[in-house]
Each structure stands twice: as C-alpha cells, then as structure tokens.
Amino acid sequence: SMNDLMASLARALSQERAFSAQAAHELRTPLAAAIAQVQLLATQSDEVTRPRLLRVERRLSQLSRTVELLLQWSRAQAGIGFDVRPVALDGVIEAVLADLDPNQRHDLHWDPGPPVGPVLGHVDSLGIILGNLLSNAWRHAGDGVQVELRLARTDQHVTISVIDDGVGVPPERLATIGRPGDAPGDSRRGSGLGLGLALSSELARQMGASLRFESPPSGRDRGFAAHLRLARAERPEGPPPGA
C-alpha cells in the first residue's frame, strides 16, 4: 500500500511539472507578440497615450519573466543542473552582462580583474543563476540602488557575489529566502513568487555549488548579498569562445 501511494504521488508530481512546463511554454509566444505590439503602438502614439502603453509593456514584461521562471523551474526539477563539467566562468559572466539593459549595465559596478579560469558547473544553469541574482537586486532593492558584482578567488574555489545597497532583508527572513513562494518583496520592494531565488538555490544544489544569502553584507549597515561558491576545475570542455 505504501509503495502504491508513493508511486501515485510520484506520478502526480510528474504530471504537475509537465503541466507547468507546457503552460509556461504555451504562454511565451503570445506574450512576446503582445509586448511587440505594445512597443509598436508606443512608437506611434501621442505624448498622452505613450506613458500608458509603456506601463502596459512593463507589466507584460513582468508576466513574461514569471512565465520564463516557471519554465526554468520545471526544467530544474527535471535535473538540468546535474550535467556538471568544467565551464569557462568568464565567458558565462560576459554573456549574461551582454544581455543586460544598457542602463543596468552602466549602473553595475564590475571589475573583472584577471581571468578566473574554469569552474565546475553547468553552463546554462550558471547563466540562469547569475541573471536571476542580478535581476533580483534591481527589482527588489529600491530606486537608485547600486549593484556590485564581485569575484573572490582561492586555490580551490571561486565565489561570485551580487551585492546591492538597498533596504535589505530582516534577519528572520534570511532562513526562508530561496524557498518557492518566499520572496524579499514583503520587506524590500514589490512582490513576487520567490521563483528566481528558489530556482537559483535549486540549480546551485544540483551543481554541487553553494548559494548563500547575507543581509546586510559584511562591513555594511544595509543591503543584500548573494554569494555563489563554485569549485575550480582544471580546464573547460569544448571549443574556446568564438571557435
């Protein structure tokens, strides 16, 4: 009876993940089309209508991001982060930064220093985690926030940190951050499902890495920091970037 119960539960969870992934996938295309149409209308509208259309575009973009996170979460539950191999972290960071909004890239404090070299990880998962941590900083920390990207190196590990100087998170909330359904929106800015940090935590766990949250960051009296610690590898697999 217990085996039958566990098998039924496993089937139900599998069906739930499949439904979430399919629903998210089906929503991506119409949302992208709606955003494109609103952007086109905004370029053709008058000064009174344009701000309203831009607000609609922002709301649709937020919805699109939530749908994308749902799809990524379904993939994470299927174990996409388990394919761990040497990855060129410098290339992943540059690819993520290249996708940032130009204003965000301008406001980001980032000193890459010497090349990091390869780390053990999963290239897509690393990109998702870093993108989510940066997005979380800008979305929840407050207006005029300063975001900093740091790298710390030891002989065995590389730690990449995303630090902001926003309102931060109360100490009692740190223990729950990174779980599905919990977001810093209650004590920071806005609201959310907490999918971004939960997804990042799950992918880090699957890669054998660690993701630690801190508020306020060490040496500061306010702000929020996320520290992703990765093991070093000897060399990246596959052809070099641009090959």
Protein backbone atom coordinates (compact mmCIF):
# COMPACT_ATOMS: atom_id res chain seq x y z
CA SER A 1 0.00 0.00 0.00
CA MET A 2 2.83 2.37 0.83
CA ASN A 3 4.57 1.59 -2.48
CA ASP A 4 1.33 2.25 -4.37
CA LEU A 5 0.87 5.53 -2.52
CA MET A 6 4.42 6.68 -3.29
CA ALA A 7 4.04 5.68 -6.94
CA SER A 8 0.79 7.66 -7.19
CA LEU A 9 2.45 10.66 -5.59
CA ALA A 10 5.39 10.44 -7.99
CA ARG A 11 3.00 10.33 -10.96
CA ALA A 12 1.05 13.32 -9.64
CA LEU A 13 4.23 15.37 -9.15
CA SER A 14 5.47 14.43 -12.61
CA GLN A 15 2.15 15.43 -14.17
CA GLU A 16 2.18 18.72 -12.26
CA ARG A 17 5.69 19.55 -13.51
CA ALA A 18 4.75 18.61 -17.06
CA PHE A 19 1.60 20.76 -16.92
CA SER A 20 3.55 23.77 -15.55
CA ALA A 21 6.19 23.43 -18.24
CA GLN A 22 3.62 23.07 -21.02
CA ALA A 23 1.53 26.00 -19.78
CA ALA A 24 4.61 28.23 -19.50
CA HIS A 25 5.76 27.19 -22.96
CA GLU A 26 2.34 27.93 -24.49
CA LEU A 27 2.28 31.40 -22.91
CA ARG A 28 5.71 32.52 -24.15
CA THR A 29 4.79 33.17 -27.78
CA PRO A 30 1.55 35.17 -27.28
CA LEU A 31 3.21 37.23 -24.55
CA ALA A 32 6.15 38.05 -26.80
CA ALA A 33 3.75 39.04 -29.59
CA ALA A 34 1.71 41.23 -27.22
CA ILE A 35 4.86 43.00 -25.98
CA ALA A 36 5.98 43.65 -29.56
CA GLN A 37 2.58 45.10 -30.50
CA VAL A 38 2.51 47.38 -27.46
CA GLN A 39 6.04 48.59 -28.24
CA LEU A 40 4.99 49.36 -31.81
CA LEU A 41 1.90 51.23 -30.64
CA ALA A 42 4.02 53.24 -28.20
CA THR A 43 6.25 54.48 -31.02
CA GLN A 44 3.17 55.62 -32.97
CA SER A 45 1.20 57.17 -30.11
CA ASP A 46 0.95 60.70 -28.80
CA GLU A 47 2.58 62.05 -25.62
CA VAL A 48 -0.54 61.36 -23.54
CA THR A 49 -1.01 57.73 -24.61
CA ARG A 50 2.65 56.69 -24.77
CA PRO A 51 3.28 56.57 -20.96
CA ARG A 52 0.21 54.33 -20.52
CA LEU A 53 1.40 51.95 -23.21
CA LEU A 54 4.85 51.82 -21.64
CA ARG A 55 3.28 50.86 -18.30
CA VAL A 56 1.39 48.08 -20.07
CA GLU A 57 4.66 46.94 -21.64
CA ARG A 58 6.36 46.80 -18.23
CA ARG A 59 3.52 44.72 -16.78
CA LEU A 60 3.61 42.32 -19.72
CA SER A 61 7.38 42.03 -19.37
CA GLN A 62 6.98 41.15 -15.69
CA LEU A 63 4.44 38.49 -16.61
CA SER A 64 6.77 37.16 -19.29
CA ARG A 65 9.59 36.90 -16.76
CA THR A 66 7.35 34.94 -14.36
CA VAL A 67 6.40 32.54 -17.15
CA GLU A 68 10.06 32.07 -18.05
CA LEU A 69 10.92 31.34 -14.42
CA LEU A 70 8.13 28.76 -14.24
CA LEU A 71 9.58 27.04 -17.30
CA GLN A 72 13.10 27.14 -15.86
CA TRP A 73 11.82 25.80 -12.54
CA SER A 74 10.19 22.84 -14.29
CA ARG A 75 13.47 22.11 -16.07
CA ALA A 76 15.37 22.41 -12.80
CA GLN A 77 13.07 19.87 -11.17
CA ALA A 78 13.99 17.53 -14.03
CA GLY A 79 17.66 17.87 -13.06
CA ILE A 80 19.15 20.06 -15.82
CA GLY A 81 21.90 21.15 -13.43
CA PHE A 82 23.27 17.64 -12.88
CA ASP A 83 25.44 17.68 -16.03
CA VAL A 84 28.44 19.14 -14.22
CA ARG A 85 31.65 19.74 -16.16
CA PRO A 86 34.43 22.35 -16.44
CA VAL A 87 32.95 25.67 -17.60
CA ALA A 88 34.68 28.94 -18.51
CA LEU A 89 33.09 31.26 -15.92
CA ASP A 90 34.48 34.40 -17.58
CA GLY A 91 32.53 33.64 -20.75
CA VAL A 92 29.32 32.98 -18.83
CA ILE A 93 29.61 36.31 -16.98
CA GLU A 94 30.25 38.26 -20.17
CA ALA A 95 27.30 36.61 -21.91
CA VAL A 96 24.95 37.48 -19.03
CA LEU A 97 26.20 41.08 -18.85
CA ALA A 98 25.81 41.47 -22.61
CA ASP A 99 22.09 40.69 -22.25
CA LEU A 100 21.53 43.39 -19.62
CA ASP A 101 19.59 46.55 -20.31
CA PRO A 102 22.16 49.24 -21.26
CA ASN A 103 21.13 51.38 -18.29
CA GLN A 104 21.61 48.47 -15.90
CA ARG A 105 24.99 47.66 -17.42
CA HIS A 106 26.01 51.30 -16.94
CA ASP A 107 24.93 51.29 -13.27
CA LEU A 108 26.64 47.97 -12.45
CA HIS A 109 29.94 48.14 -10.56
CA TRP A 110 32.08 45.36 -12.02
CA ASP A 111 35.84 44.96 -12.05
CA PRO A 112 36.61 41.59 -13.66
CA GLY A 113 40.31 41.56 -12.83
CA PRO A 114 42.43 38.71 -14.23
CA PRO A 115 40.72 35.74 -15.91
CA VAL A 116 39.08 33.36 -13.45
CA GLY A 117 39.60 30.14 -15.36
CA PRO A 118 37.25 27.14 -15.46
CA VAL A 119 34.93 26.10 -12.65
CA LEU A 120 32.79 23.00 -12.17
CA GLY A 121 29.21 23.71 -13.14
CA HIS A 122 26.55 23.63 -15.83
CA VAL A 123 26.81 26.46 -18.34
CA ASP A 124 23.06 27.13 -18.77
CA SER A 125 22.42 26.84 -15.02
CA LEU A 126 25.22 29.28 -14.23
CA GLY A 127 23.75 31.80 -16.67
CA ILE A 128 20.28 31.41 -15.15
CA ILE A 129 21.58 31.83 -11.59
CA LEU A 130 23.65 34.92 -12.34
CA GLY A 131 20.85 36.53 -14.36
CA ASN A 132 18.35 35.88 -11.57
CA LEU A 133 20.63 37.30 -8.87
CA LEU A 134 21.22 40.50 -10.84
CA SER A 135 17.52 40.84 -11.68
CA ASN A 136 16.58 40.32 -8.03
CA ALA A 137 18.92 43.10 -6.96
CA TRP A 138 17.43 45.66 -9.34
CA ARG A 139 13.80 44.60 -8.88
CA HIS A 140 13.66 44.43 -5.09
CA ALA A 141 16.33 46.71 -3.65
CA GLY A 142 14.60 50.04 -4.37
CA ASP A 143 15.00 53.08 -6.62
CA GLY A 144 18.52 54.33 -7.26
CA VAL A 145 20.08 51.12 -5.99
CA GLN A 146 23.78 50.47 -6.55
CA VAL A 147 24.58 46.90 -7.63
CA GLU A 148 28.05 45.41 -7.45
CA LEU A 149 29.39 42.20 -8.97
CA ARG A 150 32.45 40.74 -7.24
CA LEU A 151 34.74 37.76 -7.68
CA ALA A 152 36.76 36.18 -4.87
CA ARG A 153 39.36 33.53 -5.64
CA THR A 154 41.09 30.83 -3.62
CA ASP A 155 43.14 27.85 -4.79
CA GLN A 156 40.08 25.59 -4.59
CA HIS A 157 37.05 27.82 -5.14
CA VAL A 158 35.69 30.89 -6.91
CA THR A 159 32.91 32.92 -5.28
CA ILE A 160 30.82 35.30 -7.36
CA SER A 161 28.78 37.80 -5.34
CA VAL A 162 25.93 40.14 -6.29
CA ILE A 163 25.64 42.92 -3.71
CA ASP A 164 23.19 45.81 -3.52
CA ASP A 165 22.82 48.73 -1.14
CA GLY A 166 19.04 48.54 -0.89
CA VAL A 167 16.80 48.16 2.14
CA GLY A 168 17.90 44.57 2.72
CA VAL A 169 16.06 41.75 4.46
CA PRO A 170 15.33 41.29 8.21
CA PRO A 171 17.45 38.56 9.86
CA GLU A 172 14.41 36.35 10.47
CA ARG A 173 13.69 36.25 6.73
CA LEU A 174 17.12 35.03 5.63
CA ALA A 175 16.41 31.45 6.67
CA THR A 176 13.45 31.21 4.29
CA ILE A 177 14.82 33.07 1.26
CA GLY A 178 15.39 30.73 -1.63
CA ARG A 179 12.32 28.61 -0.99
CA PRO A 180 9.46 28.61 -3.53
CA GLY A 181 6.74 31.08 -2.60
CA ASP A 182 9.02 33.25 -0.46
CA ALA A 183 10.45 36.47 -1.87
CA PRO A 184 12.10 39.52 -0.35
CA GLY A 185 9.21 41.56 -1.74
CA ASP A 186 7.46 41.72 1.66
CA SER A 187 10.34 43.60 3.23
CA ARG A 188 12.01 45.06 0.18
CA ARG A 189 10.28 46.43 -2.91
CA GLY A 190 7.38 44.94 -4.80
CA SER A 191 6.24 41.36 -4.55
CA GLY A 192 6.85 38.07 -6.27
CA LEU A 193 6.64 34.31 -6.08
CA GLY A 194 10.24 33.90 -5.00
CA LEU A 195 10.86 31.71 -8.03
CA GLY A 196 14.08 33.44 -9.06
CA LEU A 197 15.99 32.81 -5.83
CA ALA A 198 14.36 29.40 -5.31
CA LEU A 199 15.37 28.36 -8.82
CA SER A 200 18.91 29.66 -8.28
CA SER A 201 19.23 27.76 -5.00
CA GLU A 202 17.98 24.53 -6.58
CA LEU A 203 20.35 24.77 -9.55
CA ALA A 204 23.30 25.57 -7.27
CA ARG A 205 22.48 22.49 -5.18
CA GLN A 206 22.29 20.29 -8.27
CA MET A 207 25.72 21.51 -9.42
CA GLY A 208 27.31 20.80 -6.05
CA ALA A 209 27.80 24.55 -5.50
CA SER A 210 26.55 26.65 -2.60
CA LEU A 211 24.40 29.78 -2.71
CA ARG A 212 24.41 31.85 0.48
CA PHE A 213 22.39 35.00 1.24
CA GLU A 214 23.51 37.77 3.58
CA SER A 215 21.78 40.94 4.81
CA PRO A 216 23.35 43.28 5.45
CA PRO A 217 26.57 42.29 3.66
CA SER A 218 29.71 42.10 5.79
CA GLY A 219 31.10 45.53 6.59
CA ARG A 220 27.87 47.36 5.66
CA ASP A 221 24.87 48.58 7.62
CA ARG A 222 22.30 47.90 4.87
CA GLY A 223 21.86 45.96 1.67
CA PHE A 224 21.60 42.38 0.45
CA ALA A 225 24.19 39.98 -0.95
CA ALA A 226 24.08 36.60 -2.68
CA HIS A 227 27.29 34.56 -2.79
CA LEU A 228 27.64 31.68 -5.26
CA ARG A 229 30.61 29.45 -4.40
CA LEU A 230 31.94 27.17 -7.15
CA ALA A 231 34.74 24.61 -7.20
CA ARG A 232 37.64 25.25 -9.55
CA ALA A 233 38.29 22.93 -12.47
CA GLU A 234 41.44 22.32 -14.47
CA ARG A 235 40.17 23.22 -17.91
CA PRO A 236 36.88 23.97 -19.70
CA GLU A 237 35.48 21.40 -22.08
CA GLY A 238 34.57 22.17 -25.65
CA PRO A 239 35.98 24.72 -28.13
CA PRO A 240 37.03 28.18 -26.92
CA PRO A 241 34.54 31.06 -27.33
CA GLY A 242 34.28 32.15 -30.97
CA ALA A 243 35.77 28.92 -32.32
